Amino acid sequence: MVLTVVCFIVCQVKTGSDAELLNPKMWRKGSSESSDRFEYLQTLVTEFQDTDSEEAKEQVLANLANFAYDPQNMEYLRELQVPDLFLDMLTEENDNFVEFGMGGLCNLSMDPECRDLILRSSGISLVTNCLSSQREETVLSAITTLMNLTTPSSRSEITGPAILQCMLRFSLSESPRLRNLAAVFLQDRCTEGQVARAEQQMQGQQTAVGIPLPKD
C-alpha cells in the first residue's frame, strides 16, 4: 500500500507549461475503447518521434508517463515499445526528459511483464545512475523503481554495496520524502547484515562507491 501511494505521488509528472495533460476520456465515442486507447497512445509516440520541439517532446513524455499508471494501458505501451523509450530518456542531457522517463518507468515497473522487460534491457544500471540526479522527483522515482524491480534473481544487484550506501546517505536526508523512502528500501529489500556491512564500508567515505550523490 505504501509503495503504491509513493508511485502515484512521484510519477504524476507535469511539464513546466500550463498545458493540460491529455485525458483518457478523449477516446472517441461510439468506437471500441481498446482500439481508441491504442491509436491514441500510438499517436503520442509518433508525435514524440516526429517533432523537433523539445517542449512538445516533454509534454508527450509527461502524458505517456501518466498513462503508464493505468493497468489498462500496459499491453499497448509494451507493444509501442514505450518502456524502451523511457529507458532511452535516462541518458539524455535534458533533465525533464530524464525526470519524465524515470517517472514513466516507475509506473511501468509495477506491472510484472514491464518489470521483466526493464530487467532484460539492463534497466537496473540505468535507473541506478539516476540516484545521482539533482532533482528529488527523479531520485524518488529511481528508488521506487529499484524496489519494484527487485526479484529473486535481481536482488543481489539491487542490494549491492554501492546502492545500499547511497540509501544510507538518503536515509539521513533533510527531505522527509527521500529519508522515508530510503528507509523503506533498507527495511524491505535488505537484510540487517547487508545494512550493517554497508555502514561499516562507508565509514569515513564521503560518497557511495560508484555513485556520485546529489549535492545537498
C-alpha atoms as a PDB file:
ATOM      1  CA  MET A   1       0.000   0.000   0.000  1.00  0.00           C
ATOM      2  CA  VAL A   2       2.762   2.464   0.881  1.00  0.00           C
ATOM      3  CA  LEU A   3       4.649   1.722  -2.324  1.00  0.00           C
ATOM      4  CA  THR A   4       1.565   2.316  -4.495  1.00  0.00           C
ATOM      5  CA  VAL A   5       0.947   5.698  -2.898  1.00  0.00           C
ATOM      6  CA  VAL A   6       4.578   6.697  -3.416  1.00  0.00           C
ATOM      7  CA  CYS A   7       4.446   5.832  -7.110  1.00  0.00           C
ATOM      8  CA  PHE A   8       1.286   7.871  -7.575  1.00  0.00           C
ATOM      9  CA  ILE A   9       2.801  10.932  -5.929  1.00  0.00           C
ATOM     10  CA  VAL A  10       6.197  10.653  -7.565  1.00  0.00           C
ATOM     11  CA  CYS A  11       5.125   9.819 -11.061  1.00  0.00           C
ATOM     12  CA  GLN A  12       2.168  12.072 -11.785  1.00  0.00           C
ATOM     13  CA  VAL A  13       4.608  14.208 -13.747  1.00  0.00           C
ATOM     14  CA  LYS A  14       3.834  17.527 -15.373  1.00  0.00           C
ATOM     15  CA  THR A  15       5.675  19.891 -17.655  1.00  0.00           C
ATOM     16  CA  GLY A  16       6.670  23.436 -16.923  1.00  0.00           C
ATOM     17  CA  SER A  17       3.871  24.751 -19.148  1.00  0.00           C
ATOM     18  CA  ASP A  18       0.227  25.139 -18.143  1.00  0.00           C
ATOM     19  CA  ALA A  19      -0.963  22.738 -20.836  1.00  0.00           C
ATOM     20  CA  GLU A  20      -3.381  20.139 -19.552  1.00  0.00           C
ATOM     21  CA  LEU A  21      -2.383  16.502 -19.600  1.00  0.00           C
ATOM     22  CA  LEU A  22      -4.265  14.585 -22.257  1.00  0.00           C
ATOM     23  CA  ASN A  23      -7.280  12.860 -20.770  1.00  0.00           C
ATOM     24  CA  PRO A  24      -8.250   9.228 -21.421  1.00  0.00           C
ATOM     25  CA  LYS A  25     -11.863  10.472 -21.598  1.00  0.00           C
ATOM     26  CA  MET A  26     -10.953  11.871 -25.004  1.00  0.00           C
ATOM     27  CA  TRP A  27     -11.413   8.398 -26.547  1.00  0.00           C
ATOM     28  CA  ARG A  28     -13.893   8.767 -29.407  1.00  0.00           C
ATOM     29  CA  LYS A  29     -17.476   7.931 -28.536  1.00  0.00           C
ATOM     30  CA  GLY A  30     -19.135   5.105 -30.420  1.00  0.00           C
ATOM     31  CA  SER A  31     -15.937   3.211 -31.162  1.00  0.00           C
ATOM     32  CA  SER A  32     -14.012   0.496 -29.375  1.00  0.00           C
ATOM     33  CA  GLU A  33     -12.350   1.922 -26.279  1.00  0.00           C
ATOM     34  CA  SER A  34      -9.445  -0.520 -26.529  1.00  0.00           C
ATOM     35  CA  SER A  35      -8.871   0.452 -30.165  1.00  0.00           C
ATOM     36  CA  ASP A  36      -9.046   4.127 -29.253  1.00  0.00           C
ATOM     37  CA  ARG A  37      -6.560   3.655 -26.421  1.00  0.00           C
ATOM     38  CA  PHE A  38      -4.006   2.029 -28.702  1.00  0.00           C
ATOM     39  CA  GLU A  39      -4.455   4.534 -31.524  1.00  0.00           C
ATOM     40  CA  TYR A  40      -4.228   7.464 -29.151  1.00  0.00           C
ATOM     41  CA  LEU A  41      -1.071   6.187 -27.480  1.00  0.00           C
ATOM     42  CA  GLN A  42       0.387   5.405 -30.891  1.00  0.00           C
ATOM     43  CA  THR A  43      -0.302   8.999 -31.936  1.00  0.00           C
ATOM     44  CA  LEU A  44       1.613  10.240 -28.898  1.00  0.00           C
ATOM     45  CA  VAL A  45       4.614   8.039 -29.675  1.00  0.00           C
ATOM     46  CA  THR A  46       4.601   9.128 -33.315  1.00  0.00           C
ATOM     47  CA  GLU A  47       4.413  12.780 -32.257  1.00  0.00           C
ATOM     48  CA  PHE A  48       7.414  12.313 -29.992  1.00  0.00           C
ATOM     49  CA  GLN A  49       9.411  10.753 -32.832  1.00  0.00           C
ATOM     50  CA  ASP A  50       8.425  13.321 -35.457  1.00  0.00           C
ATOM     51  CA  THR A  51       8.626  16.633 -33.587  1.00  0.00           C
ATOM     52  CA  ASP A  52      11.815  18.657 -33.279  1.00  0.00           C
ATOM     53  CA  SER A  53      10.432  20.703 -30.397  1.00  0.00           C
ATOM     54  CA  GLU A  54      11.847  19.775 -27.002  1.00  0.00           C
ATOM     55  CA  GLU A  55       8.836  21.328 -25.276  1.00  0.00           C
ATOM     56  CA  ALA A  56       6.485  19.137 -27.333  1.00  0.00           C
ATOM     57  CA  LYS A  57       8.573  16.063 -26.539  1.00  0.00           C
ATOM     58  CA  GLU A  58       8.402  16.910 -22.828  1.00  0.00           C
ATOM     59  CA  GLN A  59       4.605  17.183 -22.994  1.00  0.00           C
ATOM     60  CA  VAL A  60       4.327  13.826 -24.765  1.00  0.00           C
ATOM     61  CA  LEU A  61       6.640  12.158 -22.245  1.00  0.00           C
ATOM     62  CA  ALA A  62       4.614  13.595 -19.376  1.00  0.00           C
ATOM     63  CA  ASN A  63       1.426  12.194 -20.868  1.00  0.00           C
ATOM     64  CA  LEU A  64       2.928   8.781 -21.572  1.00  0.00           C
ATOM     65  CA  ALA A  65       4.320   8.622 -18.030  1.00  0.00           C
ATOM     66  CA  ASN A  66       0.888   9.336 -16.568  1.00  0.00           C
ATOM     67  CA  PHE A  67      -0.865   6.870 -18.877  1.00  0.00           C
ATOM     68  CA  ALA A  68       1.646   4.256 -17.664  1.00  0.00           C
ATOM     69  CA  TYR A  69      -0.080   4.437 -14.280  1.00  0.00           C
ATOM     70  CA  ASP A  70      -3.237   2.817 -15.730  1.00  0.00           C
ATOM     71  CA  PRO A  71      -3.005  -1.011 -15.913  1.00  0.00           C
ATOM     72  CA  GLN A  72      -5.348  -0.978 -18.924  1.00  0.00           C
ATOM     73  CA  ASN A  73      -2.632   0.723 -20.964  1.00  0.00           C
ATOM     74  CA  MET A  74       0.240  -1.655 -20.163  1.00  0.00           C
ATOM     75  CA  GLU A  75      -0.237  -4.018 -23.108  1.00  0.00           C
ATOM     76  CA  TYR A  76      -0.444  -1.150 -25.585  1.00  0.00           C
ATOM     77  CA  LEU A  77       2.576   0.616 -24.125  1.00  0.00           C
ATOM     78  CA  ARG A  78       4.632  -2.555 -24.380  1.00  0.00           C
ATOM     79  CA  GLU A  79       3.529  -3.054 -27.988  1.00  0.00           C
ATOM     80  CA  LEU A  80       4.544   0.523 -28.792  1.00  0.00           C
ATOM     81  CA  GLN A  81       7.949  -0.024 -27.111  1.00  0.00           C
ATOM     82  CA  VAL A  82       7.336   2.791 -24.663  1.00  0.00           C
ATOM     83  CA  PRO A  83       9.452   1.074 -21.947  1.00  0.00           C
ATOM     84  CA  ASP A  84      12.441   1.313 -24.304  1.00  0.00           C
ATOM     85  CA  LEU A  85      11.608   4.959 -24.974  1.00  0.00           C
ATOM     86  CA  PHE A  86      11.596   5.726 -21.255  1.00  0.00           C
ATOM     87  CA  LEU A  87      14.895   3.875 -20.786  1.00  0.00           C
ATOM     88  CA  ASP A  88      16.466   5.889 -23.612  1.00  0.00           C
ATOM     89  CA  MET A  89      15.449   9.109 -21.856  1.00  0.00           C
ATOM     90  CA  LEU A  90      17.553   8.271 -18.784  1.00  0.00           C
ATOM     91  CA  THR A  91      20.774   9.119 -20.629  1.00  0.00           C
ATOM     92  CA  GLU A  92      19.554  12.407 -22.120  1.00  0.00           C
ATOM     93  CA  GLU A  93      21.058  15.754 -21.095  1.00  0.00           C
ATOM     94  CA  ASN A  94      17.613  17.355 -20.777  1.00  0.00           C
ATOM     95  CA  ASP A  95      16.677  16.981 -17.093  1.00  0.00           C
ATOM     96  CA  ASN A  96      12.957  16.988 -17.917  1.00  0.00           C
ATOM     97  CA  PHE A  97      13.426  14.060 -20.298  1.00  0.00           C
ATOM     98  CA  VAL A  98      15.200  12.158 -17.532  1.00  0.00           C
ATOM     99  CA  GLU A  99      12.592  13.026 -14.896  1.00  0.00           C
ATOM    100  CA  PHE A 100       9.606  12.090 -17.074  1.00  0.00           C
ATOM    101  CA  GLY A 101      11.295   8.955 -18.401  1.00  0.00           C
ATOM    102  CA  MET A 102      12.138   7.882 -14.873  1.00  0.00           C
ATOM    103  CA  GLY A 103       8.592   8.632 -13.746  1.00  0.00           C
ATOM    104  CA  GLY A 104       7.197   6.528 -16.574  1.00  0.00           C
ATOM    105  CA  LEU A 105       9.450   3.601 -15.696  1.00  0.00           C
ATOM    106  CA  CYS A 106       8.406   3.921 -12.067  1.00  0.00           C
ATOM    107  CA  ASN A 107       4.786   3.398 -13.073  1.00  0.00           C
ATOM    108  CA  LEU A 108       5.518   0.678 -15.627  1.00  0.00           C
ATOM    109  CA  SER A 109       7.663  -1.282 -13.174  1.00  0.00           C
ATOM    110  CA  MET A 110       4.573  -2.117 -11.116  1.00  0.00           C
ATOM    111  CA  ASP A 111       3.474  -4.399 -13.975  1.00  0.00           C
ATOM    112  CA  PRO A 112       5.260  -7.814 -13.879  1.00  0.00           C
ATOM    113  CA  GLU A 113       5.712  -8.028 -17.662  1.00  0.00           C
ATOM    114  CA  CYS A 114       7.069  -4.485 -17.903  1.00  0.00           C
ATOM    115  CA  ARG A 115       9.300  -5.176 -14.904  1.00  0.00           C
ATOM    116  CA  ASP A 116      10.838  -8.181 -16.637  1.00  0.00           C
ATOM    117  CA  LEU A 117      11.272  -6.201 -19.849  1.00  0.00           C
ATOM    118  CA  ILE A 118      13.110  -3.440 -17.983  1.00  0.00           C
ATOM    119  CA  LEU A 119      15.350  -6.010 -16.290  1.00  0.00           C
ATOM    120  CA  ARG A 120      16.197  -7.658 -19.627  1.00  0.00           C
ATOM    121  CA  SER A 121      17.121  -4.231 -21.034  1.00  0.00           C
ATOM    122  CA  SER A 122      19.842  -3.614 -18.424  1.00  0.00           C
ATOM    123  CA  GLY A 123      17.472  -1.217 -16.697  1.00  0.00           C
ATOM    124  CA  ILE A 124      18.986  -1.588 -13.238  1.00  0.00           C
ATOM    125  CA  SER A 125      22.203   0.204 -14.153  1.00  0.00           C
ATOM    126  CA  LEU A 126      20.341   2.974 -15.998  1.00  0.00           C
ATOM    127  CA  VAL A 127      17.969   3.510 -13.082  1.00  0.00           C
ATOM    128  CA  THR A 128      20.827   3.391 -10.566  1.00  0.00           C
ATOM    129  CA  ASN A 129      22.591   6.218 -12.392  1.00  0.00           C
ATOM    130  CA  CYS A 130      19.525   8.397 -11.744  1.00  0.00           C
ATOM    131  CA  LEU A 131      20.181   8.207  -7.992  1.00  0.00           C
ATOM    132  CA  SER A 132      22.741  10.959  -8.558  1.00  0.00           C
ATOM    133  CA  SER A 133      20.207  13.322 -10.122  1.00  0.00           C
ATOM    134  CA  GLN A 134      19.911  16.816  -8.677  1.00  0.00           C
ATOM    135  CA  ARG A 135      16.115  16.519  -8.915  1.00  0.00           C
ATOM    136  CA  GLU A 136      14.406  14.945  -5.945  1.00  0.00           C
ATOM    137  CA  GLU A 137      11.476  13.674  -8.032  1.00  0.00           C
ATOM    138  CA  THR A 138      13.867  11.781 -10.287  1.00  0.00           C
ATOM    139  CA  VAL A 139      15.657  10.239  -7.311  1.00  0.00           C
ATOM    140  CA  LEU A 140      12.380   9.243  -5.634  1.00  0.00           C
ATOM    141  CA  SER A 141      11.189   7.585  -8.839  1.00  0.00           C
ATOM    142  CA  ALA A 142      14.519   5.778  -9.195  1.00  0.00           C
ATOM    143  CA  ILE A 143      14.366   4.387  -5.643  1.00  0.00           C
ATOM    144  CA  THR A 144      10.772   3.225  -6.091  1.00  0.00           C
ATOM    145  CA  THR A 145      11.617   1.648  -9.441  1.00  0.00           C
ATOM    146  CA  LEU A 146      14.524  -0.285  -7.937  1.00  0.00           C
ATOM    147  CA  MET A 147      12.160  -1.597  -5.267  1.00  0.00           C
ATOM    148  CA  ASN A 148       9.679  -2.667  -7.944  1.00  0.00           C
ATOM    149  CA  LEU A 149      12.438  -4.321  -9.981  1.00  0.00           C
ATOM    150  CA  THR A 150      13.559  -6.482  -7.075  1.00  0.00           C
ATOM    151  CA  THR A 151      13.101 -10.193  -7.828  1.00  0.00           C
ATOM    152  CA  PRO A 152      14.937 -13.267  -6.525  1.00  0.00           C
ATOM    153  CA  SER A 153      17.327 -13.038  -9.493  1.00  0.00           C
ATOM    154  CA  SER A 154      17.868  -9.261  -9.396  1.00  0.00           C
ATOM    155  CA  ARG A 155      18.010  -8.770  -5.627  1.00  0.00           C
ATOM    156  CA  SER A 156      21.781  -9.212  -5.304  1.00  0.00           C
ATOM    157  CA  GLU A 157      22.463  -6.451  -7.852  1.00  0.00           C
ATOM    158  CA  ILE A 158      19.857  -4.063  -6.459  1.00  0.00           C
ATOM    159  CA  THR A 159      21.091  -4.537  -2.894  1.00  0.00           C
ATOM    160  CA  GLY A 160      24.770  -4.256  -3.777  1.00  0.00           C
ATOM    161  CA  PRO A 161      27.142  -2.169  -1.615  1.00  0.00           C
ATOM    162  CA  ALA A 162      27.030   0.955  -3.798  1.00  0.00           C
ATOM    163  CA  ILE A 163      23.243   1.204  -3.789  1.00  0.00           C
ATOM    164  CA  LEU A 164      22.983   0.368  -0.081  1.00  0.00           C
ATOM    165  CA  GLN A 165      25.480   3.063   0.838  1.00  0.00           C
ATOM    166  CA  CYS A 166      23.520   5.505  -1.296  1.00  0.00           C
ATOM    167  CA  MET A 167      20.304   4.595   0.530  1.00  0.00           C
ATOM    168  CA  LEU A 168      22.022   5.012   3.887  1.00  0.00           C
ATOM    169  CA  ARG A 169      23.008   8.535   2.902  1.00  0.00           C
ATOM    170  CA  PHE A 170      19.483   9.258   1.669  1.00  0.00           C
ATOM    171  CA  SER A 171      18.061   7.960   4.959  1.00  0.00           C
ATOM    172  CA  LEU A 172      19.815  10.912   6.646  1.00  0.00           C
ATOM    173  CA  SER A 173      18.452  13.466   4.170  1.00  0.00           C
ATOM    174  CA  GLU A 174      16.675  16.622   5.302  1.00  0.00           C
ATOM    175  CA  SER A 175      13.891  15.751   2.853  1.00  0.00           C
ATOM    176  CA  PRO A 176      11.219  13.677   4.636  1.00  0.00           C
ATOM    177  CA  ARG A 177      10.127  12.032   1.397  1.00  0.00           C
ATOM    178  CA  LEU A 178      13.635  10.970   0.458  1.00  0.00           C
ATOM    179  CA  ARG A 179      14.535   9.961   4.005  1.00  0.00           C
ATOM    180  CA  ASN A 180      11.405   7.858   4.472  1.00  0.00           C
ATOM    181  CA  LEU A 181      11.580   6.121   1.101  1.00  0.00           C
ATOM    182  CA  ALA A 182      15.245   5.222   1.599  1.00  0.00           C
ATOM    183  CA  ALA A 183      14.346   3.779   5.000  1.00  0.00           C
ATOM    184  CA  VAL A 184      11.618   1.659   3.405  1.00  0.00           C
ATOM    185  CA  PHE A 185      14.109   0.384   0.822  1.00  0.00           C
ATOM    186  CA  LEU A 186      16.610  -0.610   3.516  1.00  0.00           C
ATOM    187  CA  GLN A 187      13.948  -2.303   5.617  1.00  0.00           C
ATOM    188  CA  ASP A 188      12.034  -4.104   2.878  1.00  0.00           C
ATOM    189  CA  ARG A 189      14.727  -5.002   0.362  1.00  0.00           C
ATOM    190  CA  CYS A 190      17.832  -5.591   2.518  1.00  0.00           C
ATOM    191  CA  THR A 191      18.844  -7.844   5.371  1.00  0.00           C
ATOM    192  CA  GLU A 192      20.150  -6.424   8.638  1.00  0.00           C
ATOM    193  CA  GLY A 193      23.533  -7.965   7.837  1.00  0.00           C
ATOM    194  CA  GLN A 194      23.712  -6.209   4.460  1.00  0.00           C
ATOM    195  CA  VAL A 195      22.893  -2.866   6.038  1.00  0.00           C
ATOM    196  CA  ALA A 196      25.466  -3.372   8.799  1.00  0.00           C
ATOM    197  CA  ARG A 197      28.209  -4.220   6.284  1.00  0.00           C
ATOM    198  CA  ALA A 198      27.327  -1.204   4.147  1.00  0.00           C
ATOM    199  CA  GLU A 199      27.509   1.044   7.203  1.00  0.00           C
ATOM    200  CA  GLN A 200      30.979  -0.286   8.024  1.00  0.00           C
ATOM    201  CA  GLN A 201      32.175   0.139   4.443  1.00  0.00           C
ATOM    202  CA  MET A 202      31.047   3.741   4.189  1.00  0.00           C
ATOM    203  CA  GLN A 203      32.642   4.913   7.427  1.00  0.00           C
ATOM    204  CA  GLY A 204      34.958   7.746   6.502  1.00  0.00           C
ATOM    205  CA  GLN A 205      33.645   7.870   2.932  1.00  0.00           C
ATOM    206  CA  GLN A 206      32.003  10.973   1.512  1.00  0.00           C
ATOM    207  CA  THR A 207      30.260   9.273  -1.405  1.00  0.00           C
ATOM    208  CA  ALA A 208      28.836   5.860  -2.081  1.00  0.00           C
ATOM    209  CA  VAL A 209      31.104   3.618  -4.119  1.00  0.00           C
ATOM    210  CA  GLY A 210      30.417   4.086  -7.813  1.00  0.00           C
ATOM    211  CA  ILE A 211      27.507   6.524  -7.363  1.00  0.00           C
ATOM    212  CA  PRO A 212      28.100  10.284  -7.122  1.00  0.00           C
ATOM    213  CA  LEU A 213      25.435  11.536  -4.738  1.00  0.00           C
ATOM    214  CA  PRO A 214      23.282  14.622  -5.268  1.00  0.00           C
ATOM    215  CA  LYS A 215      24.579  17.817  -3.744  1.00  0.00           C
ATOM    216  CA  ASP A 216      22.828  18.947  -0.579  1.00  0.00           C
END
